[in-house]
Amino acid sequence: MDRRAKDFLNGFQRAAVLTRSLRETPSSHTSPEDYLKDVADLNADSDDLTRRGLAVGCLAALGED
């Protein structure tokens, strides 16, 4: 597996950890769904593949494309 794929999967893993922590301890400021959407929106256009993996992982947790 090349470096780019590893970076993307690292971001996807971070999304999984974030999703799990939001389920265990939801934010008092916003819903977990809105939080994940915001994280995805902030990272979707990044050139950094770790951040793109994070965005895709957040959307996958929400069941979105």
N, C-alpha and C. Protein backbone atom coordinates (compact mmCIF):
# COMPACT_ATOMS: atom_id res chain seq x y z
N MET A 1 0.85 -1.17 0.00
CA MET A 1 0.00 0.00 0.00
C MET A 1 0.90 1.24 0.00
N ASP A 2 0.59 2.18 -0.86
CA ASP A 2 1.43 3.38 -0.94
C ASP A 2 1.07 4.39 0.15
N ARG A 3 1.89 5.39 0.27
CA ARG A 3 1.76 6.42 1.32
C ARG A 3 0.42 7.16 1.24
N ARG A 4 -0.02 7.46 0.04
CA ARG A 4 -1.27 8.21 -0.13
C ARG A 4 -2.46 7.41 0.40
N ALA A 5 -2.47 6.12 0.12
CA ALA A 5 -3.56 5.27 0.60
C ALA A 5 -3.53 5.17 2.13
N LYS A 6 -2.34 5.06 2.69
CA LYS A 6 -2.21 5.01 4.15
C LYS A 6 -2.70 6.30 4.79
N ASP A 7 -2.36 7.43 4.20
CA ASP A 7 -2.83 8.72 4.73
C ASP A 7 -4.35 8.80 4.71
N PHE A 8 -4.96 8.39 3.60
CA PHE A 8 -6.41 8.42 3.48
C PHE A 8 -7.06 7.52 4.54
N LEU A 9 -6.53 6.31 4.69
CA LEU A 9 -7.08 5.38 5.67
C LEU A 9 -6.86 5.86 7.10
N ASN A 10 -5.79 6.57 7.33
CA ASN A 10 -5.56 7.16 8.65
C ASN A 10 -6.66 8.17 8.97
N GLY A 11 -7.03 8.98 8.00
CA GLY A 11 -8.13 9.93 8.19
C GLY A 11 -9.45 9.23 8.42
N PHE A 12 -9.68 8.15 7.69
CA PHE A 12 -10.90 7.37 7.85
C PHE A 12 -10.96 6.79 9.27
N GLN A 13 -9.83 6.33 9.76
CA GLN A 13 -9.76 5.80 11.12
C GLN A 13 -10.06 6.90 12.14
N ARG A 14 -9.56 8.09 11.91
CA ARG A 14 -9.85 9.21 12.82
C ARG A 14 -11.34 9.52 12.86
N ALA A 15 -11.99 9.39 11.72
CA ALA A 15 -13.45 9.59 11.68
C ALA A 15 -14.16 8.54 12.51
N ALA A 16 -13.68 7.31 12.47
CA ALA A 16 -14.29 6.24 13.26
C ALA A 16 -14.14 6.53 14.75
N VAL A 17 -12.97 6.99 15.15
CA VAL A 17 -12.74 7.32 16.56
C VAL A 17 -13.63 8.51 16.97
N LEU A 18 -13.72 9.50 16.12
CA LEU A 18 -14.57 10.66 16.39
C LEU A 18 -16.03 10.24 16.53
N THR A 19 -16.50 9.41 15.62
CA THR A 19 -17.88 8.94 15.66
C THR A 19 -18.16 8.18 16.95
N ARG A 20 -17.25 7.32 17.32
CA ARG A 20 -17.42 6.55 18.56
C ARG A 20 -17.47 7.48 19.78
N SER A 21 -16.59 8.46 19.83
CA SER A 21 -16.58 9.36 20.98
C SER A 21 -17.83 10.23 21.03
N LEU A 22 -18.36 10.60 19.86
CA LEU A 22 -19.60 11.39 19.84
C LEU A 22 -20.80 10.57 20.31
N ARG A 23 -20.78 9.29 20.02
CA ARG A 23 -21.86 8.41 20.49
C ARG A 23 -21.79 8.21 21.99
N GLU A 24 -20.58 8.11 22.52
CA GLU A 24 -20.40 7.91 23.95
C GLU A 24 -20.64 9.19 24.75
N THR A 25 -20.20 10.32 24.20
CA THR A 25 -20.33 11.60 24.87
C THR A 25 -20.76 12.66 23.85
N PRO A 26 -22.05 12.76 23.62
CA PRO A 26 -22.54 13.73 22.63
C PRO A 26 -22.21 15.18 23.03
N SER A 27 -22.01 16.01 22.05
CA SER A 27 -21.76 17.43 22.27
C SER A 27 -23.02 18.09 22.83
N SER A 28 -22.85 19.01 23.73
CA SER A 28 -24.00 19.73 24.27
C SER A 28 -24.39 20.91 23.38
N HIS A 29 -23.57 21.23 22.39
CA HIS A 29 -23.80 22.39 21.53
C HIS A 29 -24.52 22.06 20.22
N THR A 30 -24.37 20.82 19.77
CA THR A 30 -24.95 20.43 18.49
C THR A 30 -25.19 18.93 18.48
N SER A 31 -25.95 18.45 17.54
CA SER A 31 -26.18 17.01 17.44
C SER A 31 -24.94 16.33 16.86
N PRO A 32 -24.76 15.05 17.17
CA PRO A 32 -23.62 14.33 16.58
C PRO A 32 -23.65 14.35 15.05
N GLU A 33 -24.84 14.27 14.47
CA GLU A 33 -24.95 14.29 13.01
C GLU A 33 -24.47 15.62 12.44
N ASP A 34 -24.91 16.73 13.04
CA ASP A 34 -24.49 18.05 12.57
C ASP A 34 -22.99 18.24 12.77
N TYR A 35 -22.46 17.74 13.87
CA TYR A 35 -21.03 17.85 14.14
C TYR A 35 -20.23 17.13 13.06
N LEU A 36 -20.64 15.89 12.73
CA LEU A 36 -19.93 15.13 11.71
C LEU A 36 -20.04 15.80 10.34
N LYS A 37 -21.21 16.37 10.03
CA LYS A 37 -21.37 17.09 8.76
C LYS A 37 -20.44 18.30 8.71
N ASP A 38 -20.32 19.02 9.81
CA ASP A 38 -19.44 20.19 9.85
C ASP A 38 -17.98 19.78 9.66
N VAL A 39 -17.57 18.70 10.32
CA VAL A 39 -16.19 18.22 10.17
C VAL A 39 -15.95 17.81 8.72
N ALA A 40 -16.91 17.13 8.12
CA ALA A 40 -16.77 16.72 6.72
C ALA A 40 -16.67 17.94 5.80
N ASP A 41 -17.52 18.93 6.02
CA ASP A 41 -17.50 20.14 5.19
C ASP A 41 -16.16 20.88 5.31
N LEU A 42 -15.61 20.94 6.51
CA LEU A 42 -14.36 21.65 6.72
C LEU A 42 -13.16 20.95 6.07
N ASN A 43 -13.24 19.65 5.89
CA ASN A 43 -12.09 18.89 5.42
C ASN A 43 -12.22 18.33 4.00
N ALA A 44 -13.37 18.42 3.41
CA ALA A 44 -13.62 17.78 2.12
C ALA A 44 -12.76 18.31 0.98
N ASP A 45 -12.45 19.57 0.97
CA ASP A 45 -11.70 20.16 -0.14
C ASP A 45 -10.20 20.25 0.10
N SER A 46 -9.74 19.62 1.15
CA SER A 46 -8.32 19.69 1.50
C SER A 46 -7.47 18.90 0.50
N ASP A 47 -6.25 19.36 0.31
CA ASP A 47 -5.28 18.61 -0.49
C ASP A 47 -4.63 17.50 0.33
N ASP A 48 -4.76 17.58 1.64
CA ASP A 48 -4.20 16.58 2.55
C ASP A 48 -5.11 15.35 2.56
N LEU A 49 -4.58 14.21 2.19
CA LEU A 49 -5.40 13.00 2.08
C LEU A 49 -5.88 12.49 3.43
N THR A 50 -5.18 12.79 4.51
CA THR A 50 -5.66 12.41 5.83
C THR A 50 -6.95 13.16 6.14
N ARG A 51 -6.97 14.45 5.83
CA ARG A 51 -8.18 15.25 6.07
C ARG A 51 -9.31 14.82 5.14
N ARG A 52 -8.99 14.46 3.92
CA ARG A 52 -10.04 13.96 3.01
C ARG A 52 -10.61 12.64 3.51
N GLY A 53 -9.75 11.77 4.01
CA GLY A 53 -10.21 10.51 4.59
C GLY A 53 -11.11 10.75 5.79
N LEU A 54 -10.78 11.76 6.58
CA LEU A 54 -11.62 12.14 7.71
C LEU A 54 -13.00 12.57 7.23
N ALA A 55 -13.03 13.38 6.19
CA ALA A 55 -14.31 13.85 5.64
C ALA A 55 -15.14 12.69 5.11
N VAL A 56 -14.53 11.81 4.36
CA VAL A 56 -15.25 10.66 3.80
C VAL A 56 -15.73 9.73 4.91
N GLY A 57 -14.91 9.53 5.92
CA GLY A 57 -15.30 8.70 7.04
C GLY A 57 -16.48 9.27 7.81
N CYS A 58 -16.50 10.58 7.98
CA CYS A 58 -17.64 11.22 8.66
C CYS A 58 -18.92 11.04 7.85
N LEU A 59 -18.81 11.23 6.55
CA LEU A 59 -20.01 11.05 5.70
C LEU A 59 -20.45 9.59 5.67
N ALA A 60 -19.49 8.68 5.70
CA ALA A 60 -19.86 7.27 5.71
C ALA A 60 -20.58 6.92 7.01
N ALA A 61 -20.15 7.51 8.12
CA ALA A 61 -20.82 7.26 9.39
C ALA A 61 -22.25 7.75 9.38
N LEU A 62 -22.51 8.77 8.57
CA LEU A 62 -23.86 9.32 8.44
C LEU A 62 -24.67 8.60 7.37
N GLY A 63 -24.01 7.73 6.62
CA GLY A 63 -24.69 7.02 5.54
C GLY A 63 -24.89 7.86 4.31
N GLU A 64 -24.03 8.88 4.12
CA GLU A 64 -24.12 9.77 2.97
C GLU A 64 -22.98 9.50 2.01
N ASP A 65 -23.11 9.98 0.78
CA ASP A 65 -22.06 9.84 -0.23
C ASP A 65 -21.09 10.99 -0.16
